[in-house]
Every structure is written in C-alpha cells, then in structure tokens.
Amino acid sequence: MTAYLLDTHYWIWLQLGDASQLKSDARDELLAIQRKRTLFLSAISILEIARLSSDGLLDLSMSVDQFVEVAIRSGGLQLLPLTTRILIESTRLPGTIHCDPADRLLVATTREHGLTLVTRDKALNKYAEQGHLNAYKL
C-alpha cells in the first residue's frame, strides 16, 4: 500500500480548504488517503508554516499551535519527526537537487520512510524524474 508525505503547500491547501489551489477531486483523493491513515506530515512543515505565519505571509485564522493540533487530532495526518538519520541524509541526497534545507528534509523523510511526496514543486518533481524520489502531483 502506498503512503504519502504532504509537501507543506498541500498541507496548507488541504487544511484551509483552498479551492483555488486544490480542486475538489484532488481534495477528495487526499481525504480518502487520509482515512486510510497513509498520509504523513514532516516536522519541517511545521517550521515552514510557523515561519510563513510569523512573517505575515500566511493567515491561518488560528495560532500555529492550533493549526497543527487540528491536523493531527482530526485523524489520518501522522507527524514524522526529524531524526538524526533524516537530518544527515538530507546532506547526502543523490543526483542534482537544490539547496533549500526544508525541501531536502522533505526528500530525505520521503526516502527514509519509503513514501511518495505529494508536491507541485517543479524542482522536486524534476528530482523525481531523475529517479531519486517518488512524487505525485494531484
């Protein structure tokens, strides 16, 4: 059974119900995956959301703490920690990938857990085309 890691933007769109970015069929597909308990978040996404919120670039209409609690409590979104191995592997990724530390941590987490990354990030999808990452764009 395939399991998925949400890139931070997909998590935001899913939880905020952003219909302009996440069409209803894609939302339904993610919710079905979530019900199977095969949808994961990386701890690095919490840092990204907290930074965007504190910089005024993201309005969550609640605190970051509440946003994370709702995601985890609602069921189906499982939080994966940043382990020592993931931190180190993010610096040893094969092939050509850009230097964004958050993206590198997402890739290392995806690879470490044998997941498929749900992303629209062009650089990450290009990295997947090199064969170093399983990626899925809804």
N, C-alpha and C. Protein backbone atom coordinates (compact mmCIF):
# COMPACT_ATOMS: atom_id res chain seq x y z
N MET A 1 0.84 -1.18 0.00
CA MET A 1 0.00 0.00 0.00
C MET A 1 0.89 1.25 0.00
N THR A 2 0.62 2.16 -0.89
CA THR A 2 1.40 3.38 -0.99
C THR A 2 0.99 4.34 0.13
N ALA A 3 1.97 4.98 0.73
CA ALA A 3 1.75 6.00 1.74
C ALA A 3 2.37 7.30 1.23
N TYR A 4 1.87 8.42 1.68
CA TYR A 4 2.22 9.71 1.11
C TYR A 4 2.66 10.71 2.17
N LEU A 5 3.61 11.56 1.78
CA LEU A 5 4.04 12.69 2.59
C LEU A 5 3.57 13.96 1.89
N LEU A 6 2.87 14.81 2.61
CA LEU A 6 2.41 16.07 2.03
C LEU A 6 3.52 17.11 2.05
N ASP A 7 3.78 17.73 0.91
CA ASP A 7 4.61 18.92 0.90
C ASP A 7 3.82 19.99 1.65
N THR A 8 4.51 20.96 2.20
CA THR A 8 3.87 21.95 3.05
C THR A 8 2.72 22.66 2.36
N HIS A 9 2.87 23.01 1.09
CA HIS A 9 1.80 23.73 0.40
C HIS A 9 0.54 22.88 0.29
N TYR A 10 0.69 21.59 0.07
CA TYR A 10 -0.50 20.73 0.01
C TYR A 10 -1.19 20.63 1.38
N TRP A 11 -0.41 20.60 2.43
CA TRP A 11 -1.00 20.56 3.76
C TRP A 11 -1.82 21.83 4.01
N ILE A 12 -1.26 22.98 3.68
CA ILE A 12 -1.98 24.25 3.86
C ILE A 12 -3.27 24.23 3.05
N TRP A 13 -3.18 23.88 1.78
CA TRP A 13 -4.37 23.88 0.91
C TRP A 13 -5.43 22.92 1.41
N LEU A 14 -5.01 21.73 1.85
CA LEU A 14 -5.96 20.73 2.33
C LEU A 14 -6.65 21.21 3.60
N GLN A 15 -5.87 21.67 4.56
CA GLN A 15 -6.45 22.04 5.85
C GLN A 15 -7.27 23.32 5.78
N LEU A 16 -6.86 24.26 4.94
CA LEU A 16 -7.62 25.50 4.81
C LEU A 16 -8.73 25.41 3.78
N GLY A 17 -8.79 24.29 3.06
CA GLY A 17 -9.82 24.11 2.05
C GLY A 17 -9.68 25.10 0.91
N ASP A 18 -8.48 25.34 0.46
CA ASP A 18 -8.20 26.32 -0.60
C ASP A 18 -8.60 25.75 -1.96
N ALA A 19 -9.83 26.03 -2.36
CA ALA A 19 -10.37 25.51 -3.62
C ALA A 19 -9.68 26.09 -4.85
N SER A 20 -9.02 27.24 -4.70
CA SER A 20 -8.33 27.82 -5.85
C SER A 20 -7.06 27.03 -6.18
N GLN A 21 -6.50 26.34 -5.20
CA GLN A 21 -5.29 25.55 -5.41
C GLN A 21 -5.54 24.05 -5.43
N LEU A 22 -6.56 23.63 -4.71
CA LEU A 22 -6.83 22.20 -4.54
C LEU A 22 -8.26 21.93 -4.98
N LYS A 23 -8.40 21.46 -6.19
CA LYS A 23 -9.72 21.17 -6.75
C LYS A 23 -10.41 20.06 -5.96
N SER A 24 -11.72 19.97 -6.07
CA SER A 24 -12.49 19.04 -5.24
C SER A 24 -12.08 17.58 -5.44
N ASP A 25 -11.75 17.18 -6.68
CA ASP A 25 -11.35 15.78 -6.89
C ASP A 25 -10.02 15.48 -6.21
N ALA A 26 -9.08 16.44 -6.23
CA ALA A 26 -7.80 16.25 -5.55
C ALA A 26 -8.01 16.23 -4.04
N ARG A 27 -8.86 17.12 -3.55
CA ARG A 27 -9.18 17.14 -2.10
C ARG A 27 -9.80 15.83 -1.69
N ASP A 28 -10.74 15.33 -2.47
CA ASP A 28 -11.39 14.06 -2.16
C ASP A 28 -10.39 12.92 -2.13
N GLU A 29 -9.44 12.94 -3.08
CA GLU A 29 -8.42 11.89 -3.12
C GLU A 29 -7.53 11.94 -1.87
N LEU A 30 -7.12 13.14 -1.48
CA LEU A 30 -6.30 13.27 -0.27
C LEU A 30 -7.08 12.85 0.98
N LEU A 31 -8.34 13.20 1.04
CA LEU A 31 -9.14 12.80 2.21
C LEU A 31 -9.32 11.29 2.26
N ALA A 32 -9.43 10.64 1.10
CA ALA A 32 -9.53 9.18 1.07
C ALA A 32 -8.22 8.55 1.56
N ILE A 33 -7.10 9.12 1.15
CA ILE A 33 -5.80 8.63 1.62
C ILE A 33 -5.69 8.86 3.12
N GLN A 34 -6.15 10.01 3.57
CA GLN A 34 -6.10 10.33 5.00
C GLN A 34 -6.92 9.32 5.81
N ARG A 35 -8.09 8.95 5.32
CA ARG A 35 -8.94 7.98 6.04
C ARG A 35 -8.25 6.62 6.17
N LYS A 36 -7.37 6.31 5.24
CA LYS A 36 -6.62 5.04 5.30
C LYS A 36 -5.43 5.14 6.24
N ARG A 37 -5.22 6.33 6.80
CA ARG A 37 -4.09 6.59 7.71
C ARG A 37 -2.75 6.38 7.02
N THR A 38 -2.69 6.76 5.75
CA THR A 38 -1.45 6.66 4.99
C THR A 38 -1.00 8.03 4.48
N LEU A 39 -1.35 9.07 5.22
CA LEU A 39 -0.99 10.43 4.85
C LEU A 39 -0.15 11.03 5.99
N PHE A 40 1.05 11.47 5.64
CA PHE A 40 2.01 11.91 6.65
C PHE A 40 2.43 13.36 6.45
N LEU A 41 2.91 13.95 7.55
CA LEU A 41 3.50 15.29 7.56
C LEU A 41 4.90 15.18 8.13
N SER A 42 5.79 16.01 7.63
CA SER A 42 7.12 16.10 8.21
C SER A 42 7.14 17.25 9.21
N ALA A 43 7.90 17.07 10.27
CA ALA A 43 8.05 18.13 11.26
C ALA A 43 8.59 19.42 10.64
N ILE A 44 9.34 19.32 9.55
CA ILE A 44 9.86 20.53 8.91
C ILE A 44 8.73 21.40 8.38
N SER A 45 7.59 20.80 8.03
CA SER A 45 6.46 21.59 7.55
C SER A 45 5.90 22.49 8.64
N ILE A 46 6.01 22.06 9.88
CA ILE A 46 5.56 22.91 10.99
C ILE A 46 6.44 24.16 11.06
N LEU A 47 7.74 23.98 10.92
CA LEU A 47 8.64 25.13 10.90
C LEU A 47 8.30 26.07 9.74
N GLU A 48 8.06 25.50 8.57
CA GLU A 48 7.73 26.33 7.40
C GLU A 48 6.45 27.13 7.63
N ILE A 49 5.43 26.49 8.18
CA ILE A 49 4.15 27.17 8.42
C ILE A 49 4.32 28.23 9.50
N ALA A 50 5.05 27.92 10.56
CA ALA A 50 5.28 28.89 11.62
C ALA A 50 6.01 30.12 11.09
N ARG A 51 7.01 29.88 10.23
CA ARG A 51 7.76 31.00 9.65
C ARG A 51 6.88 31.85 8.75
N LEU A 52 6.10 31.20 7.88
CA LEU A 52 5.21 31.94 6.99
C LEU A 52 4.19 32.76 7.78
N SER A 53 3.67 32.17 8.84
CA SER A 53 2.69 32.85 9.67
C SER A 53 3.32 34.04 10.40
N SER A 54 4.49 33.83 10.99
CA SER A 54 5.13 34.92 11.75
C SER A 54 5.59 36.05 10.83
N ASP A 55 5.90 35.72 9.58
CA ASP A 55 6.30 36.75 8.61
C ASP A 55 5.11 37.45 7.97
N GLY A 56 3.90 37.03 8.33
CA GLY A 56 2.70 37.65 7.78
C GLY A 56 2.36 37.20 6.37
N LEU A 57 2.96 36.10 5.92
CA LEU A 57 2.74 35.61 4.56
C LEU A 57 1.64 34.55 4.49
N LEU A 58 1.15 34.13 5.65
CA LEU A 58 0.13 33.10 5.71
C LEU A 58 -0.82 33.41 6.85
N ASP A 59 -2.10 33.55 6.54
CA ASP A 59 -3.12 33.79 7.56
C ASP A 59 -3.84 32.48 7.83
N LEU A 60 -3.61 31.92 8.99
CA LEU A 60 -4.21 30.63 9.34
C LEU A 60 -5.56 30.79 10.03
N SER A 61 -5.91 32.00 10.47
CA SER A 61 -7.11 32.30 11.24
C SER A 61 -7.13 31.56 12.59
N MET A 62 -5.97 31.07 13.01
CA MET A 62 -5.78 30.45 14.32
C MET A 62 -4.27 30.43 14.56
N SER A 63 -3.89 30.09 15.78
CA SER A 63 -2.44 30.02 16.05
C SER A 63 -1.84 28.81 15.33
N VAL A 64 -0.54 28.85 15.13
CA VAL A 64 0.15 27.72 14.52
C VAL A 64 -0.05 26.47 15.38
N ASP A 65 0.01 26.65 16.71
CA ASP A 65 -0.20 25.52 17.62
C ASP A 65 -1.55 24.84 17.36
N GLN A 66 -2.58 25.67 17.23
CA GLN A 66 -3.93 25.14 16.98
C GLN A 66 -4.00 24.48 15.60
N PHE A 67 -3.37 25.10 14.61
CA PHE A 67 -3.38 24.56 13.25
C PHE A 67 -2.79 23.16 13.23
N VAL A 68 -1.66 22.98 13.91
CA VAL A 68 -1.01 21.67 13.97
C VAL A 68 -1.89 20.69 14.75
N GLU A 69 -2.43 21.14 15.88
CA GLU A 69 -3.26 20.26 16.69
C GLU A 69 -4.48 19.77 15.91
N VAL A 70 -5.11 20.65 15.16
CA VAL A 70 -6.27 20.26 14.35
C VAL A 70 -5.86 19.22 13.31
N ALA A 71 -4.72 19.41 12.68
CA ALA A 71 -4.26 18.48 11.64
C ALA A 71 -4.03 17.09 12.22
N ILE A 72 -3.42 17.02 13.38
CA ILE A 72 -3.09 15.74 13.99
C ILE A 72 -4.32 15.11 14.64
N ARG A 73 -5.09 15.93 15.35
CA ARG A 73 -6.27 15.43 16.06
C ARG A 73 -7.37 14.97 15.11
N SER A 74 -7.48 15.60 13.97
CA SER A 74 -8.56 15.27 13.03
C SER A 74 -8.44 13.83 12.53
N GLY A 75 -7.29 13.25 12.75
CA GLY A 75 -7.09 11.85 12.35
C GLY A 75 -6.54 11.73 10.95
N GLY A 76 -5.72 10.75 10.77
CA GLY A 76 -5.22 10.46 9.43
C GLY A 76 -3.96 11.17 9.04
N LEU A 77 -3.67 12.34 9.58
CA LEU A 77 -2.40 13.01 9.30
C LEU A 77 -1.45 12.65 10.43
N GLN A 78 -0.41 11.96 10.07
CA GLN A 78 0.54 11.48 11.06
C GLN A 78 1.84 12.26 10.93
N LEU A 79 2.34 12.73 12.06
CA LEU A 79 3.54 13.55 12.07
C LEU A 79 4.79 12.69 12.17
N LEU A 80 5.73 12.93 11.26
CA LEU A 80 7.00 12.24 11.27
C LEU A 80 8.08 13.19 11.81
N PRO A 81 8.84 12.75 12.79
CA PRO A 81 9.89 13.61 13.35
C PRO A 81 11.10 13.70 12.44
N LEU A 82 11.91 14.70 12.70
CA LEU A 82 13.20 14.82 12.02
C LEU A 82 14.22 14.06 12.85
N THR A 83 14.55 12.88 12.41
CA THR A 83 15.50 12.05 13.12
C THR A 83 16.92 12.45 12.74
N THR A 84 17.87 11.96 13.52
CA THR A 84 19.28 12.20 13.20
C THR A 84 19.60 11.68 11.81
N ARG A 85 19.10 10.51 11.48
CA ARG A 85 19.37 9.92 10.17
C ARG A 85 18.82 10.79 9.03
N ILE A 86 17.60 11.30 9.19
CA ILE A 86 16.99 12.16 8.17
C ILE A 86 17.80 13.45 8.02
N LEU A 87 18.20 14.03 9.13
CA LEU A 87 19.00 15.26 9.08
C LEU A 87 20.30 15.03 8.32
N ILE A 88 20.97 13.94 8.60
CA ILE A 88 22.24 13.64 7.92
C ILE A 88 22.00 13.29 6.45
N GLU A 89 21.01 12.46 6.18
CA GLU A 89 20.74 12.04 4.79
C GLU A 89 20.33 13.22 3.92
N SER A 90 19.75 14.26 4.50
CA SER A 90 19.37 15.43 3.70
C SER A 90 20.59 16.12 3.09
N THR A 91 21.76 15.84 3.64
CA THR A 91 23.00 16.42 3.08
C THR A 91 23.70 15.47 2.12
N ARG A 92 23.17 14.25 1.96
CA ARG A 92 23.81 13.22 1.13
C ARG A 92 22.90 12.75 -0.01
N LEU A 93 21.95 13.53 -0.39
CA LEU A 93 21.00 13.09 -1.42
C LEU A 93 21.70 12.90 -2.76
N PRO A 94 21.34 11.85 -3.48
CA PRO A 94 21.97 11.61 -4.78
C PRO A 94 21.43 12.57 -5.84
N GLY A 95 22.13 12.64 -6.94
CA GLY A 95 21.65 13.43 -8.07
C GLY A 95 21.77 14.91 -7.81
N THR A 96 21.03 15.67 -8.61
CA THR A 96 21.06 17.13 -8.53
C THR A 96 19.77 17.63 -7.93
N ILE A 97 19.89 18.29 -6.80
CA ILE A 97 18.73 18.88 -6.11
C ILE A 97 19.17 20.21 -5.54
N HIS A 98 18.24 21.16 -5.49
CA HIS A 98 18.61 22.49 -4.99
C HIS A 98 18.92 22.46 -3.49
N CYS A 99 19.38 23.56 -2.97
CA CYS A 99 19.92 23.60 -1.60
C CYS A 99 18.90 23.99 -0.53
N ASP A 100 17.63 24.18 -0.87
CA ASP A 100 16.64 24.56 0.13
C ASP A 100 16.59 23.49 1.23
N PRO A 101 16.95 23.84 2.46
CA PRO A 101 17.02 22.83 3.51
C PRO A 101 15.68 22.16 3.81
N ALA A 102 14.59 22.90 3.75
CA ALA A 102 13.27 22.31 4.03
C ALA A 102 12.94 21.26 2.97
N ASP A 103 13.16 21.57 1.71
CA ASP A 103 12.89 20.60 0.65
C ASP A 103 13.79 19.38 0.77
N ARG A 104 15.04 19.61 1.11
CA ARG A 104 15.97 18.49 1.27
C ARG A 104 15.51 17.58 2.42
N LEU A 105 14.99 18.18 3.48
CA LEU A 105 14.47 17.39 4.60
C LEU A 105 13.21 16.63 4.21
N LEU A 106 12.36 17.25 3.41
CA LEU A 106 11.17 16.54 2.91
C LEU A 106 11.58 15.34 2.06
N VAL A 107 12.56 15.54 1.19
CA VAL A 107 13.03 14.45 0.34
C VAL A 107 13.65 13.34 1.19
N ALA A 108 14.49 13.71 2.14
CA ALA A 108 15.13 12.70 2.98
C ALA A 108 14.08 11.94 3.80
N THR A 109 13.07 12.62 4.28
CA THR A 109 11.99 11.96 5.04
C THR A 109 11.22 11.01 4.14
N THR A 110 10.92 11.46 2.94
CA THR A 110 10.20 10.62 1.98
C THR A 110 10.99 9.36 1.68
N ARG A 111 12.27 9.53 1.41
CA ARG A 111 13.12 8.38 1.08
C ARG A 111 13.29 7.45 2.28
N GLU A 112 13.50 8.01 3.45
CA GLU A 112 13.73 7.20 4.66
C GLU A 112 12.54 6.31 4.99
N HIS A 113 11.34 6.81 4.76
CA HIS A 113 10.13 6.07 5.12
C HIS A 113 9.48 5.36 3.94
N GLY A 114 10.10 5.43 2.76
CA GLY A 114 9.54 4.77 1.59
C GLY A 114 8.19 5.34 1.17
N LEU A 115 8.05 6.65 1.26
CA LEU A 115 6.80 7.32 0.95
C LEU A 115 6.82 7.91 -0.45
N THR A 116 5.70 8.45 -0.86
CA THR A 116 5.56 9.22 -2.09
C THR A 116 5.25 10.66 -1.69
N LEU A 117 6.02 11.61 -2.18
CA LEU A 117 5.83 13.02 -1.84
C LEU A 117 4.75 13.63 -2.73
N VAL A 118 3.76 14.23 -2.11
CA VAL A 118 2.71 14.93 -2.85
C VAL A 118 3.15 16.39 -2.94
N THR A 119 3.51 16.81 -4.15
CA THR A 119 4.07 18.15 -4.34
C THR A 119 3.77 18.70 -5.72
N ARG A 120 3.74 20.01 -5.81
CA ARG A 120 3.70 20.69 -7.10
C ARG A 120 5.00 21.41 -7.37
N ASP A 121 5.93 21.30 -6.46
CA ASP A 121 7.22 21.96 -6.59
C ASP A 121 7.94 21.43 -7.83
N LYS A 122 8.22 22.32 -8.77
CA LYS A 122 8.84 21.91 -10.04
C LYS A 122 10.21 21.28 -9.83
N ALA A 123 11.00 21.84 -8.93
CA ALA A 123 12.34 21.30 -8.70
C ALA A 123 12.26 19.90 -8.09
N LEU A 124 11.31 19.68 -7.19
CA LEU A 124 11.17 18.36 -6.59
C LEU A 124 10.62 17.35 -7.58
N ASN A 125 9.71 17.78 -8.43
CA ASN A 125 9.20 16.87 -9.46
C ASN A 125 10.29 16.54 -10.48
N LYS A 126 11.15 17.50 -10.78
CA LYS A 126 12.28 17.23 -11.67
C LYS A 126 13.24 16.24 -11.01
N TYR A 127 13.45 16.39 -9.71
CA TYR A 127 14.30 15.46 -8.97
C TYR A 127 13.71 14.05 -9.02
N ALA A 128 12.39 13.97 -8.92
CA ALA A 128 11.71 12.67 -9.01
C ALA A 128 11.92 12.06 -10.41
N GLU A 129 11.89 12.89 -11.43
CA GLU A 129 12.11 12.40 -12.79
C GLU A 129 13.51 11.81 -12.95
N GLN A 130 14.47 12.24 -12.13
CA GLN A 130 15.82 11.68 -12.15
C GLN A 130 15.84 10.29 -11.51
N GLY A 131 14.73 9.91 -10.87
CA GLY A 131 14.63 8.58 -10.26
C GLY A 131 15.05 8.50 -8.81
N HIS A 132 15.21 9.65 -8.17
CA HIS A 132 15.69 9.67 -6.79
C HIS A 132 14.58 9.85 -5.76
N LEU A 133 13.36 9.98 -6.21
CA LEU A 133 12.25 10.31 -5.32
C LEU A 133 10.95 9.84 -5.97
N ASN A 134 10.06 9.30 -5.17
CA ASN A 134 8.70 9.04 -5.65
C ASN A 134 7.88 10.27 -5.36
N ALA A 135 7.29 10.86 -6.40
CA ALA A 135 6.50 12.08 -6.24
C ALA A 135 5.17 11.92 -6.95
N TYR A 136 4.18 12.65 -6.46
CA TYR A 136 2.83 12.59 -7.00
C TYR A 136 2.25 14.00 -7.00
N LYS A 137 1.77 14.43 -8.14
CA LYS A 137 1.15 15.75 -8.26
C LYS A 137 -0.33 15.53 -8.54
N LEU A 138 -1.15 16.04 -7.65
CA LEU A 138 -2.61 15.94 -7.86
C LEU A 138 -3.09 17.02 -8.79
